[in-house]
C-alpha cells in the first residue's frame, strides 16, 4: 500500500516490542526476534508520535510546521520508515 493509504491510520506497537528513550534517542527491543534497533532523532520523533496514537497525517503536519521540507519529502521519509517497521512487524495498524 502507498503511504497515502495510511495517513489516517493509527498504529499499535507490536506486543513483543518494547522501547525506551535513552539520551534523546529511542532504542527498540524486538523480543520475538532478539533484535535491538536504535533510531536517529527524526525516526525517534515519528516512533514516539505513533506510540502516542497520532496518525501519520498528524506527524506530517507537525514536521511541516517545524522544518523547511516539502510534503512530498516528509511523506517519502516517513513512508520508508513505516514500510520498514511494518515489514519487521514492529508496528501494525490499530484495530478499529
Protein backbone atom coordinates (compact mmCIF):
# COMPACT_ATOMS: atom_id res chain seq x y z
CA UNK A 1 0.00 0.00 0.00
CA UNK A 2 1.09 3.55 -0.60
CA UNK A 3 1.92 5.83 2.31
CA UNK A 4 -1.10 7.99 1.45
CA UNK A 5 -3.31 4.97 2.22
CA UNK A 6 -2.03 5.06 5.82
CA UNK A 7 -2.29 8.80 6.51
CA UNK A 8 -5.36 8.50 8.74
CA UNK A 9 -4.46 5.14 10.28
CA UNK A 10 -3.43 4.73 13.89
CA UNK A 11 -0.75 2.18 14.63
CA UNK A 12 0.00 -0.04 17.60
CA UNK A 13 3.43 -1.11 18.71
CA UNK A 14 3.64 -4.91 18.46
CA UNK A 15 3.04 -6.78 21.72
CA UNK A 16 6.53 -8.26 21.82
CA UNK A 17 8.25 -4.93 21.13
CA UNK A 18 9.41 -2.61 23.88
CA UNK A 19 11.17 0.72 23.59
CA UNK A 20 12.77 3.35 25.74
CA UNK A 21 14.32 6.72 25.19
CA UNK A 22 18.00 6.99 26.03
CA UNK A 23 19.83 10.29 25.69
CA UNK A 24 17.28 11.62 23.20
CA UNK A 25 17.12 8.51 21.03
CA UNK A 26 14.66 5.63 21.04
CA UNK A 27 16.00 2.11 21.41
CA UNK A 28 13.59 -0.60 20.21
CA UNK A 29 13.82 -4.14 21.55
CA UNK A 30 12.13 -6.74 19.33
CA UNK A 31 11.90 -9.57 21.84
CA UNK A 32 10.44 -12.04 19.34
CA UNK A 33 13.49 -11.88 17.07
CA UNK A 34 16.08 -10.86 19.67
CA UNK A 35 16.89 -7.68 17.77
CA UNK A 36 17.62 -4.18 19.04
CA UNK A 37 17.26 -1.08 16.88
CA UNK A 38 18.49 2.45 17.55
CA UNK A 39 16.62 5.33 15.94
CA UNK A 40 18.01 8.66 14.81
CA UNK A 41 16.27 11.86 16.02
CA UNK A 42 13.84 12.03 13.08
CA UNK A 43 12.83 8.39 13.38
CA UNK A 44 12.57 8.84 17.16
CA UNK A 45 10.08 11.67 16.66
CA UNK A 46 7.93 9.56 14.32
CA UNK A 47 8.10 6.46 16.55
CA UNK A 48 7.07 8.38 19.66
CA UNK A 49 4.21 10.05 17.77
CA UNK A 50 2.89 6.70 16.53
CA UNK A 51 3.24 5.19 20.00
CA UNK A 52 1.22 8.12 21.39
CA UNK A 53 -1.61 7.31 18.97
CA UNK A 54 -1.01 10.01 16.36
CA UNK A 55 -1.72 9.20 12.73
CA UNK A 56 0.93 9.69 10.06
CA UNK A 57 -1.06 12.72 8.80
CA UNK A 58 -0.67 14.43 12.17
CA UNK A 59 3.05 13.67 12.15
CA UNK A 60 3.44 15.05 8.63
CA UNK A 61 1.71 18.27 9.69
CA UNK A 62 3.91 18.57 12.80
CA UNK A 63 7.09 18.08 10.79
CA UNK A 64 6.00 20.60 8.14
CA UNK A 65 5.28 23.20 10.80
CA UNK A 66 8.84 22.92 12.16
CA UNK A 67 11.04 22.02 9.19
CA UNK A 68 11.77 23.57 5.80
CA UNK A 69 10.78 20.45 3.87
CA UNK A 70 8.15 19.73 1.27
CA UNK A 71 5.18 17.50 1.99
CA UNK A 72 6.49 15.04 -0.61
CA UNK A 73 9.87 14.80 1.15
CA UNK A 74 8.27 14.25 4.55
CA UNK A 75 5.83 11.65 3.23
CA UNK A 76 8.64 9.83 1.42
CA UNK A 77 10.85 9.70 4.52
CA UNK A 78 8.08 8.73 6.91
CA UNK A 79 6.68 6.26 4.41
CA UNK A 80 10.04 4.49 4.15
CA UNK A 81 10.26 4.22 7.93
CA UNK A 82 6.71 2.98 8.29
CA UNK A 83 7.16 0.43 5.49
CA UNK A 84 10.27 -0.92 7.20
CA UNK A 85 8.62 -1.09 10.63
CA UNK A 86 5.61 -2.89 9.14
CA UNK A 87 7.91 -5.30 7.30
CA UNK A 88 9.74 -6.07 10.56
CA UNK A 89 6.42 -6.46 12.43
CA UNK A 90 7.39 -3.75 14.89
CA UNK A 91 4.06 -1.96 14.36
CA UNK A 92 0.67 -2.85 12.95
CA UNK A 93 -2.43 -0.95 12.00
CA UNK A 94 -4.60 -0.50 15.10
CA UNK A 95 -7.82 -2.43 15.29
CA UNK A 96 -10.86 -0.25 14.95
